[in-house]
Amino acid sequence: MRYLSDKEKIQMAFNYQNNRERIPIETVDKGTQYYRQIRYDNFEEFIQKNQNCCQVNPGGGYDLPPANFLDRITGYNSGDAIVLNFEVRYLDDKGSQKSKIIKFENAPQNCGAIRW
């Protein structure tokens, strides 16, 4: 058993977000809409195109609920916050490729699985 490195935690959060079929996009006229995501081929492509995008426990506030005591002692919540400034690539209603940077905050378990 070992601790996960920050790179491994970031890669797991990337995999969680990159594997989503549809992605929520805030629009001015329609509010939140879900569009088909154009996935990155792999983590290396994502990092190459999004340098300095990701941090583990960067400080400041998060939009994540606090870990409760039972979740912390059982490992269901590691207490970490993984923040990705993720350039989402997607197809709009007309089939045109668009991109937008979205800040995703993820809470990992001790085993590395992403809760949300």
N, C-alpha and C. Protein backbone atom coordinates (compact mmCIF):
# COMPACT_ATOMS: atom_id res chain seq x y z
N MET A 1 0.84 -1.17 0.00
CA MET A 1 0.00 0.00 0.00
C MET A 1 0.89 1.24 0.00
N ARG A 2 0.47 2.28 -0.74
CA ARG A 2 1.25 3.49 -0.82
C ARG A 2 0.32 4.68 -1.03
N TYR A 3 0.87 5.86 -0.84
CA TYR A 3 0.11 7.08 -1.11
C TYR A 3 0.17 7.38 -2.60
N LEU A 4 -0.90 7.94 -3.12
CA LEU A 4 -0.93 8.34 -4.52
C LEU A 4 -0.21 9.67 -4.69
N SER A 5 0.52 9.81 -5.78
CA SER A 5 1.19 11.08 -6.07
C SER A 5 0.14 12.08 -6.57
N ASP A 6 0.50 13.36 -6.56
CA ASP A 6 -0.41 14.38 -7.09
C ASP A 6 -0.71 14.13 -8.56
N LYS A 7 0.31 13.70 -9.33
CA LYS A 7 0.09 13.41 -10.75
C LYS A 7 -0.94 12.30 -10.92
N GLU A 8 -0.86 11.26 -10.10
CA GLU A 8 -1.83 10.16 -10.19
C GLU A 8 -3.23 10.64 -9.84
N LYS A 9 -3.34 11.49 -8.82
CA LYS A 9 -4.65 12.03 -8.44
C LYS A 9 -5.24 12.88 -9.56
N ILE A 10 -4.40 13.72 -10.15
CA ILE A 10 -4.85 14.57 -11.25
C ILE A 10 -5.26 13.73 -12.45
N GLN A 11 -4.50 12.68 -12.73
CA GLN A 11 -4.84 11.80 -13.86
C GLN A 11 -6.17 11.10 -13.63
N MET A 12 -6.45 10.70 -12.40
CA MET A 12 -7.74 10.05 -12.11
C MET A 12 -8.89 11.04 -12.28
N ALA A 13 -8.70 12.29 -11.85
CA ALA A 13 -9.74 13.30 -12.04
C ALA A 13 -9.94 13.59 -13.53
N PHE A 14 -8.83 13.64 -14.28
CA PHE A 14 -8.92 13.83 -15.73
C PHE A 14 -9.72 12.69 -16.36
N ASN A 15 -9.40 11.45 -16.01
CA ASN A 15 -10.10 10.30 -16.58
C ASN A 15 -11.60 10.37 -16.28
N TYR A 16 -11.94 10.77 -15.07
CA TYR A 16 -13.34 10.90 -14.68
C TYR A 16 -14.05 11.92 -15.58
N GLN A 17 -13.45 13.09 -15.77
CA GLN A 17 -14.07 14.14 -16.59
C GLN A 17 -14.03 13.79 -18.08
N ASN A 18 -12.93 13.23 -18.54
CA ASN A 18 -12.77 12.93 -19.96
C ASN A 18 -13.69 11.80 -20.42
N ASN A 19 -14.10 10.93 -19.53
CA ASN A 19 -14.95 9.80 -19.90
C ASN A 19 -16.44 10.13 -19.92
N ARG A 20 -16.77 11.35 -19.58
CA ARG A 20 -18.18 11.75 -19.61
C ARG A 20 -18.64 11.86 -21.06
N GLU A 21 -19.81 11.32 -21.34
CA GLU A 21 -20.38 11.38 -22.69
C GLU A 21 -20.83 12.81 -23.01
N ARG A 22 -21.55 13.39 -22.07
CA ARG A 22 -22.06 14.76 -22.25
C ARG A 22 -21.52 15.63 -21.13
N ILE A 23 -21.33 16.90 -21.44
CA ILE A 23 -20.68 17.82 -20.51
C ILE A 23 -21.59 19.05 -20.33
N PRO A 24 -21.74 19.54 -19.09
CA PRO A 24 -22.59 20.72 -18.88
C PRO A 24 -21.87 22.01 -19.30
N ILE A 25 -22.52 22.79 -20.13
CA ILE A 25 -21.98 24.06 -20.60
C ILE A 25 -22.99 25.16 -20.26
N GLU A 26 -22.51 26.19 -19.56
CA GLU A 26 -23.35 27.35 -19.24
C GLU A 26 -23.42 28.25 -20.47
N THR A 27 -24.63 28.55 -20.92
CA THR A 27 -24.80 29.48 -22.03
C THR A 27 -25.60 30.69 -21.55
N VAL A 28 -25.37 31.82 -22.18
CA VAL A 28 -26.05 33.05 -21.77
C VAL A 28 -27.54 32.96 -22.05
N ASP A 29 -27.90 32.47 -23.23
CA ASP A 29 -29.30 32.49 -23.63
C ASP A 29 -30.10 31.26 -23.19
N LYS A 30 -29.45 30.11 -23.00
CA LYS A 30 -30.19 28.88 -22.70
C LYS A 30 -29.91 28.31 -21.31
N GLY A 31 -29.03 28.92 -20.54
CA GLY A 31 -28.67 28.37 -19.23
C GLY A 31 -27.74 27.17 -19.41
N THR A 32 -27.84 26.20 -18.52
CA THR A 32 -26.99 25.01 -18.61
C THR A 32 -27.53 24.05 -19.66
N GLN A 33 -26.68 23.72 -20.61
CA GLN A 33 -27.02 22.76 -21.66
C GLN A 33 -25.98 21.65 -21.64
N TYR A 34 -26.39 20.45 -22.00
CA TYR A 34 -25.46 19.31 -22.05
C TYR A 34 -25.13 19.02 -23.51
N TYR A 35 -23.83 19.04 -23.81
CA TYR A 35 -23.36 18.81 -25.16
C TYR A 35 -22.44 17.59 -25.20
N ARG A 36 -22.38 16.97 -26.38
CA ARG A 36 -21.50 15.82 -26.57
C ARG A 36 -20.04 16.27 -26.52
N GLN A 37 -19.29 15.65 -25.63
CA GLN A 37 -17.90 16.02 -25.44
C GLN A 37 -17.00 15.36 -26.49
N ILE A 38 -16.02 16.10 -26.97
CA ILE A 38 -14.96 15.54 -27.81
C ILE A 38 -13.82 15.22 -26.86
N ARG A 39 -13.59 13.95 -26.65
CA ARG A 39 -12.63 13.53 -25.64
C ARG A 39 -11.19 13.70 -26.10
N TYR A 40 -10.32 13.89 -25.12
CA TYR A 40 -8.88 13.86 -25.38
C TYR A 40 -8.47 12.40 -25.59
N ASP A 41 -7.46 12.16 -26.41
CA ASP A 41 -7.00 10.79 -26.65
C ASP A 41 -6.39 10.17 -25.41
N ASN A 42 -5.69 10.98 -24.62
CA ASN A 42 -5.04 10.47 -23.41
C ASN A 42 -4.64 11.63 -22.51
N PHE A 43 -4.15 11.29 -21.33
CA PHE A 43 -3.76 12.28 -20.32
C PHE A 43 -2.61 13.15 -20.83
N GLU A 44 -1.67 12.57 -21.55
CA GLU A 44 -0.52 13.32 -22.05
C GLU A 44 -0.96 14.43 -23.02
N GLU A 45 -1.92 14.12 -23.91
CA GLU A 45 -2.44 15.14 -24.82
C GLU A 45 -3.09 16.28 -24.03
N PHE A 46 -3.87 15.93 -23.02
CA PHE A 46 -4.53 16.93 -22.19
C PHE A 46 -3.52 17.85 -21.51
N ILE A 47 -2.49 17.27 -20.88
CA ILE A 47 -1.48 18.06 -20.18
C ILE A 47 -0.69 18.93 -21.15
N GLN A 48 -0.39 18.40 -22.33
CA GLN A 48 0.35 19.17 -23.33
C GLN A 48 -0.44 20.41 -23.76
N LYS A 49 -1.76 20.26 -23.90
CA LYS A 49 -2.59 21.38 -24.36
C LYS A 49 -3.07 22.26 -23.22
N ASN A 50 -2.96 21.79 -21.99
CA ASN A 50 -3.49 22.53 -20.83
C ASN A 50 -2.45 22.59 -19.72
N GLN A 51 -1.30 23.13 -20.01
CA GLN A 51 -0.24 23.20 -19.01
C GLN A 51 -0.67 24.10 -17.85
N ASN A 52 -0.23 23.75 -16.65
CA ASN A 52 -0.56 24.49 -15.43
C ASN A 52 -2.07 24.56 -15.18
N CYS A 53 -2.76 23.49 -15.55
CA CYS A 53 -4.22 23.46 -15.46
C CYS A 53 -4.73 22.89 -14.15
N CYS A 54 -3.87 22.15 -13.44
CA CYS A 54 -4.40 21.27 -12.41
C CYS A 54 -3.61 21.38 -11.11
N GLN A 55 -4.34 21.27 -10.00
CA GLN A 55 -3.69 21.31 -8.69
C GLN A 55 -4.44 20.41 -7.72
N VAL A 56 -3.69 19.91 -6.76
CA VAL A 56 -4.28 19.18 -5.64
C VAL A 56 -4.18 20.09 -4.42
N ASN A 57 -5.30 20.34 -3.78
CA ASN A 57 -5.38 21.21 -2.60
C ASN A 57 -4.73 22.57 -2.83
N PRO A 58 -5.20 23.34 -3.83
CA PRO A 58 -4.55 24.61 -4.11
C PRO A 58 -4.83 25.71 -3.09
N GLY A 59 -5.73 25.48 -2.18
CA GLY A 59 -6.07 26.51 -1.19
C GLY A 59 -7.26 27.32 -1.65
N GLY A 60 -7.77 28.13 -0.75
CA GLY A 60 -8.97 28.89 -1.07
C GLY A 60 -10.21 28.04 -0.87
N GLY A 61 -11.34 28.55 -1.24
CA GLY A 61 -12.59 27.82 -1.08
C GLY A 61 -12.88 26.90 -2.25
N TYR A 62 -13.69 25.89 -1.98
CA TYR A 62 -14.11 24.94 -3.01
C TYR A 62 -15.62 24.80 -2.97
N ASP A 63 -16.19 24.36 -4.07
CA ASP A 63 -17.61 24.07 -4.12
C ASP A 63 -17.86 22.59 -3.83
N LEU A 64 -17.08 22.03 -2.94
CA LEU A 64 -17.22 20.64 -2.52
C LEU A 64 -17.73 20.62 -1.09
N PRO A 65 -18.61 19.69 -0.77
CA PRO A 65 -19.05 19.60 0.62
C PRO A 65 -17.90 19.12 1.50
N PRO A 66 -17.88 19.55 2.76
CA PRO A 66 -16.81 19.07 3.65
C PRO A 66 -16.95 17.58 3.91
N ALA A 67 -15.83 16.93 4.11
CA ALA A 67 -15.84 15.49 4.41
C ALA A 67 -16.34 15.29 5.83
N ASN A 68 -17.26 14.35 6.01
CA ASN A 68 -17.69 14.08 7.38
C ASN A 68 -16.76 13.06 8.03
N PHE A 69 -16.85 12.93 9.32
CA PHE A 69 -15.93 12.11 10.09
C PHE A 69 -15.92 10.65 9.62
N LEU A 70 -17.07 10.06 9.43
CA LEU A 70 -17.15 8.65 9.03
C LEU A 70 -16.52 8.43 7.65
N ASP A 71 -16.77 9.34 6.71
CA ASP A 71 -16.17 9.22 5.38
C ASP A 71 -14.65 9.32 5.44
N ARG A 72 -14.14 10.17 6.32
CA ARG A 72 -12.68 10.32 6.45
C ARG A 72 -12.04 9.08 7.04
N ILE A 73 -12.62 8.50 8.10
CA ILE A 73 -11.96 7.35 8.74
C ILE A 73 -12.12 6.07 7.93
N THR A 74 -13.14 6.00 7.08
CA THR A 74 -13.31 4.81 6.24
C THR A 74 -12.61 4.94 4.90
N GLY A 75 -12.12 6.14 4.58
CA GLY A 75 -11.42 6.34 3.31
C GLY A 75 -12.33 6.69 2.16
N TYR A 76 -13.64 6.83 2.43
CA TYR A 76 -14.57 7.19 1.36
C TYR A 76 -14.31 8.60 0.84
N ASN A 77 -13.70 9.43 1.66
CA ASN A 77 -13.30 10.78 1.25
C ASN A 77 -11.91 11.03 1.78
N SER A 78 -10.97 11.30 0.87
CA SER A 78 -9.58 11.50 1.29
C SER A 78 -9.34 12.85 1.93
N GLY A 79 -10.27 13.78 1.75
CA GLY A 79 -10.08 15.13 2.25
C GLY A 79 -9.37 16.03 1.26
N ASP A 80 -8.92 15.47 0.13
CA ASP A 80 -8.25 16.25 -0.90
C ASP A 80 -9.28 16.90 -1.83
N ALA A 81 -8.86 17.97 -2.46
CA ALA A 81 -9.63 18.61 -3.52
C ALA A 81 -8.72 18.69 -4.74
N ILE A 82 -9.18 18.12 -5.85
CA ILE A 82 -8.42 18.17 -7.10
C ILE A 82 -9.14 19.16 -8.01
N VAL A 83 -8.43 20.20 -8.40
CA VAL A 83 -9.03 21.26 -9.22
C VAL A 83 -8.42 21.21 -10.62
N LEU A 84 -9.30 21.06 -11.61
CA LEU A 84 -8.88 21.03 -13.01
C LEU A 84 -9.49 22.22 -13.74
N ASN A 85 -8.68 23.00 -14.40
CA ASN A 85 -9.18 23.99 -15.35
C ASN A 85 -9.14 23.28 -16.70
N PHE A 86 -10.26 22.69 -17.05
CA PHE A 86 -10.39 21.71 -18.11
C PHE A 86 -10.91 22.39 -19.37
N GLU A 87 -10.12 22.39 -20.44
CA GLU A 87 -10.62 22.92 -21.71
C GLU A 87 -11.50 21.85 -22.35
N VAL A 88 -12.79 22.07 -22.24
CA VAL A 88 -13.78 21.14 -22.78
C VAL A 88 -13.96 21.43 -24.25
N ARG A 89 -13.89 20.38 -25.04
CA ARG A 89 -14.17 20.49 -26.48
C ARG A 89 -15.48 19.77 -26.72
N TYR A 90 -16.38 20.40 -27.44
CA TYR A 90 -17.70 19.81 -27.62
C TYR A 90 -18.31 20.24 -28.95
N LEU A 91 -19.39 19.56 -29.33
CA LEU A 91 -20.13 19.90 -30.54
C LEU A 91 -21.40 20.63 -30.13
N ASP A 92 -21.63 21.81 -30.69
CA ASP A 92 -22.84 22.56 -30.35
C ASP A 92 -24.04 22.01 -31.10
N ASP A 93 -25.19 22.69 -30.97
CA ASP A 93 -26.43 22.22 -31.60
C ASP A 93 -26.34 22.12 -33.12
N LYS A 94 -25.46 22.91 -33.71
CA LYS A 94 -25.31 22.91 -35.17
C LYS A 94 -24.20 21.98 -35.65
N GLY A 95 -23.55 21.27 -34.71
CA GLY A 95 -22.48 20.35 -35.07
C GLY A 95 -21.12 20.99 -35.20
N SER A 96 -21.01 22.26 -34.82
CA SER A 96 -19.72 22.96 -34.88
C SER A 96 -18.91 22.67 -33.62
N GLN A 97 -17.60 22.51 -33.80
CA GLN A 97 -16.74 22.27 -32.64
C GLN A 97 -16.51 23.57 -31.89
N LYS A 98 -16.71 23.52 -30.59
CA LYS A 98 -16.48 24.66 -29.70
C LYS A 98 -15.58 24.20 -28.57
N SER A 99 -15.05 25.16 -27.82
CA SER A 99 -14.29 24.82 -26.62
C SER A 99 -14.53 25.89 -25.57
N LYS A 100 -14.40 25.46 -24.32
CA LYS A 100 -14.60 26.37 -23.20
C LYS A 100 -13.83 25.81 -22.01
N ILE A 101 -13.19 26.69 -21.25
CA ILE A 101 -12.49 26.24 -20.05
C ILE A 101 -13.46 26.24 -18.89
N ILE A 102 -13.58 25.08 -18.25
CA ILE A 102 -14.48 24.90 -17.11
C ILE A 102 -13.65 24.44 -15.92
N LYS A 103 -13.93 25.01 -14.77
CA LYS A 103 -13.24 24.61 -13.54
C LYS A 103 -14.03 23.47 -12.90
N PHE A 104 -13.38 22.30 -12.82
CA PHE A 104 -13.97 21.14 -12.16
C PHE A 104 -13.26 20.90 -10.85
N GLU A 105 -14.02 20.68 -9.80
CA GLU A 105 -13.46 20.35 -8.49
C GLU A 105 -13.89 18.92 -8.17
N ASN A 106 -12.94 18.08 -7.86
CA ASN A 106 -13.19 16.66 -7.64
C ASN A 106 -12.72 16.25 -6.26
N ALA A 107 -13.46 15.33 -5.65
CA ALA A 107 -13.11 14.80 -4.33
C ALA A 107 -12.77 13.32 -4.47
N PRO A 108 -11.51 12.94 -4.29
CA PRO A 108 -11.13 11.53 -4.43
C PRO A 108 -11.32 10.74 -3.13
N GLN A 109 -11.46 9.45 -3.30
CA GLN A 109 -11.42 8.53 -2.16
C GLN A 109 -9.96 8.17 -1.91
N ASN A 110 -9.68 7.54 -0.78
CA ASN A 110 -8.30 7.13 -0.50
C ASN A 110 -7.77 6.15 -1.53
N CYS A 111 -8.64 5.34 -2.12
CA CYS A 111 -8.21 4.36 -3.12
C CYS A 111 -7.95 5.00 -4.48
N GLY A 112 -8.35 6.27 -4.63
CA GLY A 112 -8.11 6.96 -5.89
C GLY A 112 -9.35 7.16 -6.74
N ALA A 113 -10.44 6.47 -6.42
CA ALA A 113 -11.67 6.67 -7.17
C ALA A 113 -12.19 8.09 -6.92
N ILE A 114 -12.81 8.67 -7.92
CA ILE A 114 -13.35 10.02 -7.81
C ILE A 114 -14.81 9.94 -7.40
N ARG A 115 -15.16 10.67 -6.34
CA ARG A 115 -16.55 10.68 -5.86
C ARG A 115 -17.43 11.54 -6.75
N TRP A 116 -17.01 12.75 -7.05
CA TRP A 116 -17.75 13.68 -7.90
C TRP A 116 -16.81 14.71 -8.42
